[in-house]
All heavy atoms as atom14 arrays in JSON, in Angstrom:
{
  "sequence": "TRHVLGLFNGQPGARRWRQVLSDARRLDSA",
  "atom14_mask": [
    [1, 1, 1, 1, 1, 1, 1, 0, 0, 0, 0, 0, 0, 0],
    [1, 1, 1, 1, 1, 1, 1, 1, 1, 1, 1, 0, 0, 0],
    [1, 1, 1, 1, 1, 1, 1, 1, 1, 1, 0, 0, 0, 0],
    [1, 1, 1, 1, 1, 1, 1, 0, 0, 0, 0, 0, 0, 0],
    [1, 1, 1, 1, 1, 1, 1, 1, 0, 0, 0, 0, 0, 0],
    [1, 1, 1, 1, 0, 0, 0, 0, 0, 0, 0, 0, 0, 0],
    [1, 1, 1, 1, 1, 1, 1, 1, 0, 0, 0, 0, 0, 0],
    [1, 1, 1, 1, 1, 1, 1, 1, 1, 1, 1, 0, 0, 0],
    [1, 1, 1, 1, 1, 1, 1, 1, 0, 0, 0, 0, 0, 0],
    [1, 1, 1, 1, 0, 0, 0, 0, 0, 0, 0, 0, 0, 0],
    [1, 1, 1, 1, 1, 1, 1, 1, 1, 0, 0, 0, 0, 0],
    [1, 1, 1, 1, 1, 1, 1, 0, 0, 0, 0, 0, 0, 0],
    [1, 1, 1, 1, 0, 0, 0, 0, 0, 0, 0, 0, 0, 0],
    [1, 1, 1, 1, 1, 0, 0, 0, 0, 0, 0, 0, 0, 0],
    [1, 1, 1, 1, 1, 1, 1, 1, 1, 1, 1, 0, 0, 0],
    [1, 1, 1, 1, 1, 1, 1, 1, 1, 1, 1, 0, 0, 0],
    [1, 1, 1, 1, 1, 1, 1, 1, 1, 1, 1, 1, 1, 1],
    [1, 1, 1, 1, 1, 1, 1, 1, 1, 1, 1, 0, 0, 0],
    [1, 1, 1, 1, 1, 1, 1, 1, 1, 0, 0, 0, 0, 0],
    [1, 1, 1, 1, 1, 1, 1, 0, 0, 0, 0, 0, 0, 0],
    [1, 1, 1, 1, 1, 1, 1, 1, 0, 0, 0, 0, 0, 0],
    [1, 1, 1, 1, 1, 1, 0, 0, 0, 0, 0, 0, 0, 0],
    [1, 1, 1, 1, 1, 1, 1, 1, 0, 0, 0, 0, 0, 0],
    [1, 1, 1, 1, 1, 0, 0, 0, 0, 0, 0, 0, 0, 0],
    [1, 1, 1, 1, 1, 1, 1, 1, 1, 1, 1, 0, 0, 0],
    [1, 1, 1, 1, 1, 1, 1, 1, 1, 1, 1, 0, 0, 0],
    [1, 1, 1, 1, 1, 1, 1, 1, 0, 0, 0, 0, 0, 0],
    [1, 1, 1, 1, 1, 1, 1, 1, 0, 0, 0, 0, 0, 0],
    [1, 1, 1, 1, 1, 1, 0, 0, 0, 0, 0, 0, 0, 0],
    [1, 1, 1, 1, 1, 0, 0, 0, 0, 0, 0, 0, 0, 0]
  ],
  "atom14_positions": [
    [[74.58, 98.58, 94.55], [75.55, 98.14, 95.55], [75.03, 98.24, 96.98], [75.48, 97.49, 97.85], [76.85, 98.96, 95.43], [76.55, 100.36, 95.63], [77.48, 98.78, 94.06], [0.0, 0.0, 0.0], [0.0, 0.0, 0.0], [0.0, 0.0, 0.0], [0.0, 0.0, 0.0], [0.0, 0.0, 0.0], [0.0, 0.0, 0.0], [0.0, 0.0, 0.0]],
    [[74.08, 99.11, 97.24], [73.6, 99.26, 98.62], [72.92, 97.99, 99.13], [72.84, 97.77, 100.34], [72.63, 100.45, 98.72], [71.26, 100.23, 98.07], [70.44, 101.51, 98.07], [69.09, 101.32, 97.54], [68.02, 101.13, 98.3], [68.14, 101.06, 99.62], [66.83, 100.98, 97.74], [0.0, 0.0, 0.0], [0.0, 0.0, 0.0], [0.0, 0.0, 0.0]],
    [[72.47, 97.15, 98.22], [71.78, 95.93, 98.63], [72.72, 94.76, 98.91], [72.28, 93.75, 99.46], [70.79, 95.49, 97.55], [69.7, 96.48, 97.28], [68.81, 96.89, 98.26], [69.35, 97.15, 96.15], [67.97, 97.77, 97.73], [68.27, 97.94, 96.47], [0.0, 0.0, 0.0], [0.0, 0.0, 0.0], [0.0, 0.0, 0.0], [0.0, 0.0, 0.0]],
    [[73.98, 94.87, 98.51], [74.87, 93.69, 98.56], [75.98, 93.84, 99.58], [76.93, 93.06, 99.58], [75.45, 93.41, 97.16], [74.33, 93.25, 96.14], [76.42, 94.49, 96.7], [0.0, 0.0, 0.0], [0.0, 0.0, 0.0], [0.0, 0.0, 0.0], [0.0, 0.0, 0.0], [0.0, 0.0, 0.0], [0.0, 0.0, 0.0], [0.0, 0.0, 0.0]],
    [[75.86, 94.81, 100.49], [76.92, 95.04, 101.46], [77.14, 93.82, 102.36], [78.24, 93.58, 102.85], [76.59, 96.26, 102.32], [76.45, 97.6, 101.58], [76.11, 98.71, 102.56], [77.72, 97.93, 100.81], [0.0, 0.0, 0.0], [0.0, 0.0, 0.0], [0.0, 0.0, 0.0], [0.0, 0.0, 0.0], [0.0, 0.0, 0.0], [0.0, 0.0, 0.0]],
    [[76.09, 93.04, 102.6], [76.21, 91.91, 103.52], [76.61, 90.6, 102.88], [76.65, 89.56, 103.55], [0.0, 0.0, 0.0], [0.0, 0.0, 0.0], [0.0, 0.0, 0.0], [0.0, 0.0, 0.0], [0.0, 0.0, 0.0], [0.0, 0.0, 0.0], [0.0, 0.0, 0.0], [0.0, 0.0, 0.0], [0.0, 0.0, 0.0], [0.0, 0.0, 0.0]],
    [[76.96, 90.61, 101.59], [77.25, 89.35, 100.89], [78.39, 88.57, 101.54], [78.34, 87.34, 101.62], [77.59, 89.65, 99.42], [78.04, 88.46, 98.57], [76.96, 87.37, 98.54], [78.38, 88.91, 97.15], [0.0, 0.0, 0.0], [0.0, 0.0, 0.0], [0.0, 0.0, 0.0], [0.0, 0.0, 0.0], [0.0, 0.0, 0.0], [0.0, 0.0, 0.0]],
    [[79.42, 89.26, 102.01], [80.59, 88.57, 102.57], [80.63, 88.64, 104.1], [81.68, 88.4, 104.7], [81.88, 89.17, 101.99], [82.12, 88.78, 100.56], [81.67, 89.59, 99.53], [82.78, 87.6, 100.24], [81.88, 89.24, 98.2], [83.0, 87.24, 98.92], [82.55, 88.06, 97.89], [0.0, 0.0, 0.0], [0.0, 0.0, 0.0], [0.0, 0.0, 0.0]],
    [[79.52, 88.94, 104.73], [79.51, 89.01, 106.2], [80.1, 87.74, 106.8], [79.76, 86.62, 106.41], [78.08, 89.19, 106.72], [77.6, 90.62, 106.57], [78.33, 91.5, 106.14], [76.34, 90.86, 106.93], [0.0, 0.0, 0.0], [0.0, 0.0, 0.0], [0.0, 0.0, 0.0], [0.0, 0.0, 0.0], [0.0, 0.0, 0.0], [0.0, 0.0, 0.0]],
    [[81.0, 87.94, 107.78], [81.62, 86.81, 108.45], [82.81, 86.21, 107.73], [83.43, 85.27, 108.23], [0.0, 0.0, 0.0], [0.0, 0.0, 0.0], [0.0, 0.0, 0.0], [0.0, 0.0, 0.0], [0.0, 0.0, 0.0], [0.0, 0.0, 0.0], [0.0, 0.0, 0.0], [0.0, 0.0, 0.0], [0.0, 0.0, 0.0], [0.0, 0.0, 0.0]],
    [[83.16, 86.77, 106.56], [84.28, 86.26, 105.78], [85.47, 87.21, 105.89], [85.3, 88.4, 106.12], [83.88, 86.11, 104.31], [82.68, 85.21, 104.08], [82.95, 83.79, 104.54], [83.86, 83.12, 104.08], [82.14, 83.32, 105.49], [0.0, 0.0, 0.0], [0.0, 0.0, 0.0], [0.0, 0.0, 0.0], [0.0, 0.0, 0.0], [0.0, 0.0, 0.0]],
    [[86.7, 86.68, 105.7], [87.87, 87.58, 105.7], [87.71, 88.65, 104.62], [87.36, 88.35, 103.48], [89.04, 86.63, 105.39], [88.56, 85.28, 105.81], [87.07, 85.26, 105.55], [0.0, 0.0, 0.0], [0.0, 0.0, 0.0], [0.0, 0.0, 0.0], [0.0, 0.0, 0.0], [0.0, 0.0, 0.0], [0.0, 0.0, 0.0], [0.0, 0.0, 0.0]],
    [[87.98, 89.88, 104.97], [87.88, 90.97, 104.01], [86.51, 91.59, 103.89], [86.33, 92.52, 103.1], [0.0, 0.0, 0.0], [0.0, 0.0, 0.0], [0.0, 0.0, 0.0], [0.0, 0.0, 0.0], [0.0, 0.0, 0.0], [0.0, 0.0, 0.0], [0.0, 0.0, 0.0], [0.0, 0.0, 0.0], [0.0, 0.0, 0.0], [0.0, 0.0, 0.0]],
    [[85.53, 91.12, 104.68], [84.16, 91.63, 104.56], [84.1, 93.12, 104.84], [83.35, 93.86, 104.18], [83.24, 90.88, 105.51], [0.0, 0.0, 0.0], [0.0, 0.0, 0.0], [0.0, 0.0, 0.0], [0.0, 0.0, 0.0], [0.0, 0.0, 0.0], [0.0, 0.0, 0.0], [0.0, 0.0, 0.0], [0.0, 0.0, 0.0], [0.0, 0.0, 0.0]],
    [[84.89, 93.57, 105.79], [84.86, 95.0, 106.11], [85.37, 95.83, 104.94], [84.79, 96.88, 104.63], [85.71, 95.27, 107.35], [85.68, 96.71, 107.81], [86.53, 96.9, 109.05], [86.53, 98.28, 109.49], [87.26, 98.73, 110.5], [88.04, 97.9, 111.19], [87.22, 100.0, 110.84], [0.0, 0.0, 0.0], [0.0, 0.0, 0.0], [0.0, 0.0, 0.0]],
    [[86.41, 95.36, 104.27], [86.93, 96.12, 103.11], [85.92, 96.11, 101.97], [85.78, 97.11, 101.24], [88.27, 95.53, 102.66], [89.4, 95.77, 103.67], [90.74, 95.35, 103.13], [90.85, 93.9, 102.99], [91.23, 93.09, 103.95], [91.52, 93.57, 105.15], [91.32, 91.79, 103.75], [0.0, 0.0, 0.0], [0.0, 0.0, 0.0], [0.0, 0.0, 0.0]],
    [[85.21, 94.99, 101.79], [84.14, 94.93, 100.77], [83.09, 96.01, 101.03], [82.72, 96.76, 100.13], [83.52, 93.53, 100.81], [82.21, 93.35, 100.11], [80.97, 93.44, 100.67], [82.0, 93.03, 98.72], [80.01, 93.19, 99.73], [80.61, 92.94, 98.53], [82.85, 92.82, 97.64], [80.04, 92.64, 97.29], [82.29, 92.51, 96.4], [80.9, 92.43, 96.23]],
    [[82.64, 96.12, 102.28], [81.62, 97.11, 102.61], [82.16, 98.53, 102.47], [81.45, 99.43, 102.0], [81.12, 96.88, 104.05], [80.35, 95.58, 104.25], [79.66, 95.55, 105.59], [80.58, 95.61, 106.71], [81.12, 94.54, 107.29], [80.83, 93.33, 106.85], [81.96, 94.69, 108.3], [0.0, 0.0, 0.0], [0.0, 0.0, 0.0], [0.0, 0.0, 0.0]],
    [[83.42, 98.73, 102.87], [84.0, 100.07, 102.79], [84.07, 100.57, 101.35], [83.71, 101.71, 101.06], [85.39, 100.08, 103.43], [85.39, 99.99, 104.95], [86.79, 99.84, 105.52], [87.71, 99.37, 104.85], [86.96, 100.26, 106.76], [0.0, 0.0, 0.0], [0.0, 0.0, 0.0], [0.0, 0.0, 0.0], [0.0, 0.0, 0.0], [0.0, 0.0, 0.0]],
    [[84.51, 99.72, 100.46], [84.64, 100.14, 99.06], [83.28, 100.44, 98.47], [83.07, 101.46, 97.8], [85.38, 99.06, 98.24], [85.34, 99.4, 96.75], [86.83, 98.93, 98.7], [0.0, 0.0, 0.0], [0.0, 0.0, 0.0], [0.0, 0.0, 0.0], [0.0, 0.0, 0.0], [0.0, 0.0, 0.0], [0.0, 0.0, 0.0], [0.0, 0.0, 0.0]],
    [[82.31, 99.55, 98.71], [80.99, 99.74, 98.12], [80.22, 100.89, 98.76], [79.21, 101.34, 98.19], [80.17, 98.45, 98.23], [80.7, 97.25, 97.45], [79.73, 96.08, 97.56], [80.96, 97.59, 95.99], [0.0, 0.0, 0.0], [0.0, 0.0, 0.0], [0.0, 0.0, 0.0], [0.0, 0.0, 0.0], [0.0, 0.0, 0.0], [0.0, 0.0, 0.0]],
    [[80.67, 101.37, 99.9], [79.99, 102.49, 100.57], [80.7, 103.82, 100.33], [80.22, 104.86, 100.8], [79.92, 102.23, 102.09], [79.24, 101.03, 102.36], [0.0, 0.0, 0.0], [0.0, 0.0, 0.0], [0.0, 0.0, 0.0], [0.0, 0.0, 0.0], [0.0, 0.0, 0.0], [0.0, 0.0, 0.0], [0.0, 0.0, 0.0], [0.0, 0.0, 0.0]],
    [[81.82, 103.8, 99.63], [82.61, 105.01, 99.41], [82.04, 105.78, 98.23], [82.18, 105.36, 97.07], [84.07, 104.61, 99.15], [85.01, 105.81, 99.11], [84.6, 106.87, 98.61], [86.16, 105.67, 99.54], [0.0, 0.0, 0.0], [0.0, 0.0, 0.0], [0.0, 0.0, 0.0], [0.0, 0.0, 0.0], [0.0, 0.0, 0.0], [0.0, 0.0, 0.0]],
    [[81.4, 106.91, 98.5], [80.72, 107.67, 97.44], [81.68, 108.12, 96.36], [81.35, 108.08, 95.16], [80.01, 108.88, 98.06], [0.0, 0.0, 0.0], [0.0, 0.0, 0.0], [0.0, 0.0, 0.0], [0.0, 0.0, 0.0], [0.0, 0.0, 0.0], [0.0, 0.0, 0.0], [0.0, 0.0, 0.0], [0.0, 0.0, 0.0], [0.0, 0.0, 0.0]],
    [[82.88, 108.55, 96.75], [83.84, 109.03, 95.74], [84.31, 107.89, 94.83], [84.45, 108.06, 93.61], [85.03, 109.7, 96.42], [84.71, 111.08, 96.98], [85.92, 111.74, 97.59], [86.41, 110.99, 98.74], [87.47, 111.36, 99.47], [88.15, 112.44, 99.16], [87.86, 110.64, 100.51], [0.0, 0.0, 0.0], [0.0, 0.0, 0.0], [0.0, 0.0, 0.0]],
    [[84.55, 106.73, 95.42], [84.97, 105.59, 94.59], [83.83, 105.14, 93.69], [84.07, 104.73, 92.55], [85.46, 104.44, 95.48], [86.72, 104.78, 96.24], [87.19, 103.64, 97.12], [87.89, 102.62, 96.36], [88.71, 101.72, 96.92], [88.92, 101.77, 98.23], [89.3, 100.81, 96.2], [0.0, 0.0, 0.0], [0.0, 0.0, 0.0], [0.0, 0.0, 0.0]],
    [[82.61, 105.18, 94.2], [81.47, 104.81, 93.37], [81.36, 105.74, 92.16], [81.1, 105.29, 91.04], [80.19, 104.88, 94.18], [79.89, 103.68, 95.1], [78.76, 104.03, 96.06], [79.52, 102.46, 94.29], [0.0, 0.0, 0.0], [0.0, 0.0, 0.0], [0.0, 0.0, 0.0], [0.0, 0.0, 0.0], [0.0, 0.0, 0.0], [0.0, 0.0, 0.0]],
    [[81.59, 107.03, 92.38], [81.5, 107.98, 91.28], [82.61, 107.77, 90.26], [82.39, 107.87, 89.05], [81.57, 109.42, 91.82], [80.32, 109.81, 92.58], [79.27, 109.15, 92.38], [80.39, 110.76, 93.39], [0.0, 0.0, 0.0], [0.0, 0.0, 0.0], [0.0, 0.0, 0.0], [0.0, 0.0, 0.0], [0.0, 0.0, 0.0], [0.0, 0.0, 0.0]],
    [[83.82, 107.45, 90.74], [84.95, 107.32, 89.81], [85.01, 105.95, 89.14], [85.31, 105.85, 87.95], [86.27, 107.59, 90.55], [86.45, 106.64, 91.6], [0.0, 0.0, 0.0], [0.0, 0.0, 0.0], [0.0, 0.0, 0.0], [0.0, 0.0, 0.0], [0.0, 0.0, 0.0], [0.0, 0.0, 0.0], [0.0, 0.0, 0.0], [0.0, 0.0, 0.0]],
    [[84.69, 104.9, 89.89], [84.81, 103.55, 89.34], [83.59, 103.13, 88.56], [83.67, 102.31, 87.64], [85.08, 102.55, 90.46], [0.0, 0.0, 0.0], [0.0, 0.0, 0.0], [0.0, 0.0, 0.0], [0.0, 0.0, 0.0], [0.0, 0.0, 0.0], [0.0, 0.0, 0.0], [0.0, 0.0, 0.0], [0.0, 0.0, 0.0], [0.0, 0.0, 0.0]]
  ]
}
């Protein structure tokens, strides 16, 4: 996931995409 943070750059919701993929606790649980 660390490589794909920029996939939605410039698109609506891009910040939420990056936040979820950067959340260590969510990564561990999901």
